[in-house]
N, C-alpha and C. Protein backbone atom coordinates (compact mmCIF):
# COMPACT_ATOMS: atom_id res chain seq x y z
N MET A 1 0.72 -1.20 0.01
CA MET A 1 0.00 -0.03 -0.04
C MET A 1 0.79 1.27 0.07
N SER A 2 2.00 1.22 -0.52
CA SER A 2 2.88 2.45 -0.63
C SER A 2 2.89 3.02 -2.06
N ASN A 3 1.97 2.67 -2.86
CA ASN A 3 1.85 3.16 -4.21
C ASN A 3 0.74 4.13 -4.37
N PRO A 4 0.96 5.16 -5.32
CA PRO A 4 -0.19 6.02 -5.53
C PRO A 4 -1.36 5.30 -6.16
N TYR A 5 -2.62 5.68 -5.80
CA TYR A 5 -3.83 5.17 -6.40
C TYR A 5 -4.46 6.25 -7.31
N CYS A 6 -5.20 5.77 -8.23
CA CYS A 6 -6.17 6.58 -8.98
C CYS A 6 -7.31 5.67 -9.30
N CYS A 7 -8.50 6.17 -9.07
CA CYS A 7 -9.81 5.38 -9.40
C CYS A 7 -9.84 4.97 -10.80
N PRO A 8 -10.02 3.68 -11.18
CA PRO A 8 -10.07 3.32 -12.55
C PRO A 8 -11.51 3.68 -13.13
N VAL A 9 -12.38 4.08 -12.41
CA VAL A 9 -13.87 4.34 -12.92
C VAL A 9 -14.02 5.92 -13.02
N CYS A 10 -13.96 6.61 -11.97
CA CYS A 10 -14.10 8.05 -11.98
C CYS A 10 -12.88 8.77 -12.47
N LYS A 11 -11.73 8.15 -12.43
CA LYS A 11 -10.43 8.64 -12.97
C LYS A 11 -10.00 10.02 -12.48
N THR A 12 -10.55 10.50 -11.37
CA THR A 12 -10.15 11.75 -10.82
C THR A 12 -9.65 11.63 -9.35
N ASN A 13 -10.16 10.57 -8.60
CA ASN A 13 -9.82 10.53 -7.26
C ASN A 13 -8.35 10.00 -7.12
N ARG A 14 -7.62 10.66 -6.41
CA ARG A 14 -6.26 10.14 -6.05
C ARG A 14 -5.93 10.32 -4.58
N MET A 15 -6.94 10.64 -3.83
CA MET A 15 -6.79 10.86 -2.30
C MET A 15 -7.67 10.08 -1.45
N ARG A 16 -8.89 9.89 -1.72
CA ARG A 16 -9.89 9.39 -0.79
C ARG A 16 -10.25 7.87 -1.13
N PHE A 17 -9.79 6.92 -0.28
CA PHE A 17 -10.00 5.55 -0.47
C PHE A 17 -10.26 4.90 0.89
N ASN A 18 -11.05 3.76 0.74
CA ASN A 18 -11.33 2.80 1.88
C ASN A 18 -10.59 1.56 1.62
N ILE A 19 -9.93 1.02 2.67
CA ILE A 19 -9.25 -0.19 2.57
C ILE A 19 -10.26 -1.22 3.27
N ILE A 20 -10.67 -2.17 2.59
CA ILE A 20 -11.62 -3.17 3.16
C ILE A 20 -10.93 -4.45 3.45
N GLN A 21 -10.72 -4.91 4.61
CA GLN A 21 -10.05 -6.04 5.02
C GLN A 21 -11.05 -7.21 4.94
N GLN A 22 -10.52 -8.23 4.27
CA GLN A 22 -11.41 -9.45 4.05
C GLN A 22 -10.80 -10.60 4.95
N GLU A 23 -11.62 -10.97 6.00
CA GLU A 23 -11.15 -12.07 6.91
C GLU A 23 -12.33 -13.16 6.81
N PRO A 24 -11.98 -14.27 6.15
CA PRO A 24 -13.00 -15.21 6.01
C PRO A 24 -13.27 -15.87 7.32
N GLN A 25 -14.56 -16.22 7.47
CA GLN A 25 -15.06 -17.02 8.64
C GLN A 25 -15.58 -18.35 8.02
N TYR A 26 -14.93 -19.49 8.40
CA TYR A 26 -15.36 -20.80 7.99
C TYR A 26 -16.43 -21.31 8.83
N VAL A 27 -17.58 -21.67 8.24
CA VAL A 27 -18.64 -22.18 8.99
C VAL A 27 -19.34 -23.44 8.40
N LYS A 28 -19.96 -24.22 9.07
CA LYS A 28 -20.83 -25.26 8.78
C LYS A 28 -22.30 -24.85 9.11
N LEU A 29 -23.20 -24.94 8.12
CA LEU A 29 -24.47 -24.61 8.33
C LEU A 29 -25.49 -25.73 8.36
N HIS A 30 -26.50 -25.68 9.01
CA HIS A 30 -27.64 -26.74 8.97
C HIS A 30 -28.30 -26.63 7.62
N PRO A 31 -28.32 -27.77 6.91
CA PRO A 31 -28.73 -27.69 5.53
C PRO A 31 -30.28 -27.29 5.25
N GLN A 32 -31.05 -27.48 6.22
CA GLN A 32 -32.46 -27.09 6.12
C GLN A 32 -32.76 -25.71 6.75
N SER A 33 -32.18 -25.43 7.96
CA SER A 33 -32.51 -24.19 8.64
C SER A 33 -31.57 -23.08 8.25
N GLY A 34 -30.29 -23.40 7.90
CA GLY A 34 -29.39 -22.39 7.57
C GLY A 34 -28.72 -21.91 8.88
N GLU A 35 -29.04 -22.51 9.96
CA GLU A 35 -28.48 -22.10 11.31
C GLU A 35 -26.93 -22.52 11.36
N ARG A 36 -26.13 -21.68 11.92
CA ARG A 36 -24.67 -22.02 11.99
C ARG A 36 -24.51 -23.07 13.02
N MET A 37 -23.91 -24.18 12.58
CA MET A 37 -23.63 -25.33 13.48
C MET A 37 -22.29 -25.34 14.01
N GLN A 38 -21.36 -24.84 13.27
CA GLN A 38 -19.94 -24.94 13.65
C GLN A 38 -19.12 -23.82 13.02
N VAL A 39 -18.28 -23.22 13.86
CA VAL A 39 -17.28 -22.22 13.19
C VAL A 39 -15.93 -23.00 13.30
N LEU A 40 -15.22 -22.95 12.18
CA LEU A 40 -13.90 -23.60 12.01
C LEU A 40 -12.78 -22.68 11.80
N GLU A 41 -11.62 -23.09 12.28
CA GLU A 41 -10.39 -22.41 11.95
C GLU A 41 -9.88 -23.07 10.58
N ARG A 42 -9.04 -22.23 9.94
CA ARG A 42 -8.52 -22.78 8.56
C ARG A 42 -7.84 -24.12 8.64
N ASP A 43 -7.16 -24.46 9.76
CA ASP A 43 -6.43 -25.72 9.92
C ASP A 43 -7.45 -26.91 10.30
N GLU A 44 -8.75 -26.59 10.48
CA GLU A 44 -9.71 -27.52 10.84
C GLU A 44 -10.67 -27.97 9.63
N LEU A 45 -10.37 -27.36 8.48
CA LEU A 45 -11.24 -27.56 7.35
C LEU A 45 -10.99 -29.02 6.84
N ASP A 46 -12.07 -29.69 6.40
CA ASP A 46 -11.98 -31.07 5.77
C ASP A 46 -11.74 -30.95 4.31
N ALA A 47 -11.69 -32.05 3.69
CA ALA A 47 -11.26 -32.16 2.31
C ALA A 47 -12.33 -31.49 1.38
N PHE A 48 -13.54 -31.36 1.83
CA PHE A 48 -14.63 -30.91 1.08
C PHE A 48 -14.83 -29.41 1.32
N HIS A 49 -14.10 -28.78 2.20
CA HIS A 49 -14.21 -27.32 2.55
C HIS A 49 -13.08 -26.57 2.03
N GLN A 50 -13.15 -25.90 0.92
CA GLN A 50 -12.00 -25.16 0.29
C GLN A 50 -11.65 -23.89 1.12
N PRO A 51 -10.52 -23.69 1.37
CA PRO A 51 -10.02 -22.39 2.10
C PRO A 51 -10.21 -21.24 1.19
N TYR A 52 -10.42 -20.05 1.72
CA TYR A 52 -10.55 -18.76 0.97
C TYR A 52 -9.22 -18.50 0.20
N LYS A 53 -9.35 -18.17 -1.06
CA LYS A 53 -8.19 -17.88 -1.86
C LYS A 53 -8.14 -16.51 -2.49
N GLY A 54 -9.09 -15.65 -1.93
CA GLY A 54 -9.19 -14.27 -2.40
C GLY A 54 -8.21 -13.29 -1.78
N ASP A 55 -8.34 -12.01 -2.17
CA ASP A 55 -7.43 -11.05 -1.61
C ASP A 55 -7.61 -10.73 -0.20
N ASN A 56 -6.64 -10.39 0.55
CA ASN A 56 -6.72 -10.02 1.87
C ASN A 56 -7.48 -8.77 2.14
N TYR A 57 -7.28 -7.91 1.11
CA TYR A 57 -8.07 -6.58 1.26
C TYR A 57 -8.36 -6.18 -0.17
N MET A 58 -9.35 -5.31 -0.24
CA MET A 58 -9.89 -4.62 -1.49
C MET A 58 -9.75 -3.21 -1.23
N ILE A 59 -9.84 -2.30 -2.28
CA ILE A 59 -9.77 -0.91 -2.21
C ILE A 59 -11.16 -0.38 -2.69
N GLN A 60 -11.65 0.63 -2.05
CA GLN A 60 -12.84 1.23 -2.43
C GLN A 60 -12.59 2.76 -2.76
N CYS A 61 -13.08 3.25 -3.84
CA CYS A 61 -12.92 4.75 -4.13
C CYS A 61 -13.77 5.44 -3.17
N GLY A 62 -13.31 6.48 -2.46
CA GLY A 62 -14.06 7.22 -1.59
C GLY A 62 -14.93 8.21 -2.16
N VAL A 63 -14.88 8.41 -3.52
CA VAL A 63 -15.69 9.26 -4.28
C VAL A 63 -16.78 8.66 -4.93
N CYS A 64 -16.51 7.66 -5.79
CA CYS A 64 -17.67 7.00 -6.64
C CYS A 64 -18.09 5.66 -6.02
N GLY A 65 -17.28 5.05 -5.03
CA GLY A 65 -17.71 3.86 -4.32
C GLY A 65 -17.23 2.59 -5.09
N THR A 66 -16.53 2.69 -6.14
CA THR A 66 -16.03 1.48 -6.83
C THR A 66 -15.22 0.70 -5.92
N ILE A 67 -15.35 -0.69 -6.00
CA ILE A 67 -14.58 -1.64 -5.26
C ILE A 67 -13.77 -2.45 -6.20
N GLU A 68 -12.36 -2.52 -6.09
CA GLU A 68 -11.62 -3.35 -6.96
C GLU A 68 -10.33 -3.77 -6.19
N ARG A 69 -9.65 -4.62 -6.83
CA ARG A 69 -8.36 -5.10 -6.29
C ARG A 69 -7.38 -3.92 -6.29
N GLU A 70 -6.54 -3.89 -5.34
CA GLU A 70 -5.54 -2.78 -5.34
C GLU A 70 -4.75 -2.55 -6.64
N GLU A 71 -4.38 -3.65 -7.31
CA GLU A 71 -3.61 -3.55 -8.53
C GLU A 71 -4.24 -2.62 -9.51
N ARG A 72 -5.61 -2.66 -9.70
CA ARG A 72 -6.30 -1.74 -10.66
C ARG A 72 -6.14 -0.38 -10.32
N PHE A 73 -6.18 0.07 -9.03
CA PHE A 73 -5.95 1.43 -8.69
C PHE A 73 -4.46 1.92 -8.87
N VAL A 74 -3.52 0.93 -8.61
CA VAL A 74 -2.14 1.35 -8.85
C VAL A 74 -1.82 1.42 -10.32
N LYS A 75 -2.25 0.45 -11.14
CA LYS A 75 -2.17 0.48 -12.55
C LYS A 75 -2.71 1.76 -13.13
N MET A 76 -3.84 2.18 -12.78
CA MET A 76 -4.48 3.43 -13.33
C MET A 76 -3.67 4.59 -12.87
N ALA A 77 -3.07 4.71 -11.67
CA ALA A 77 -2.26 5.79 -11.30
C ALA A 77 -0.98 5.86 -12.16
N GLN A 78 -0.44 4.66 -12.49
CA GLN A 78 0.77 4.59 -13.31
C GLN A 78 0.42 5.11 -14.73
N HIS A 79 -0.68 4.65 -15.18
CA HIS A 79 -1.13 5.02 -16.59
C HIS A 79 -1.39 6.49 -16.69
N THR A 80 -1.93 7.13 -15.73
CA THR A 80 -2.34 8.52 -15.82
C THR A 80 -1.08 9.40 -15.48
N ASN A 81 -0.05 8.96 -15.07
CA ASN A 81 1.19 9.72 -14.61
C ASN A 81 2.21 9.61 -15.73
N ARG A 82 1.97 8.89 -16.82
CA ARG A 82 2.88 8.88 -17.98
C ARG A 82 3.02 10.13 -18.67
N PRO A 83 4.32 10.51 -18.92
CA PRO A 83 4.37 11.71 -19.63
C PRO A 83 4.03 11.60 -21.11
N GLY A 84 3.57 12.63 -21.69
CA GLY A 84 3.33 12.51 -23.08
C GLY A 84 2.06 13.06 -23.51
């Protein structure tokens, strides 16, 4: 997070952003009621329960509300800073 950002949608925001941390919670639900039966730690998952493989955090533009991977905001900042 030490790179400049620029929103890839509104293309003007370079200052106001929200960092959304994603922390998965592994659960087993009752199939009929949907009630939470068990909360698991990552090392307790069985062979049929895939661990979360997504990003640890996402970035949201504080102006237009777009939520994307950090890479998109960094690439847009690099693209708009090119001389020429």
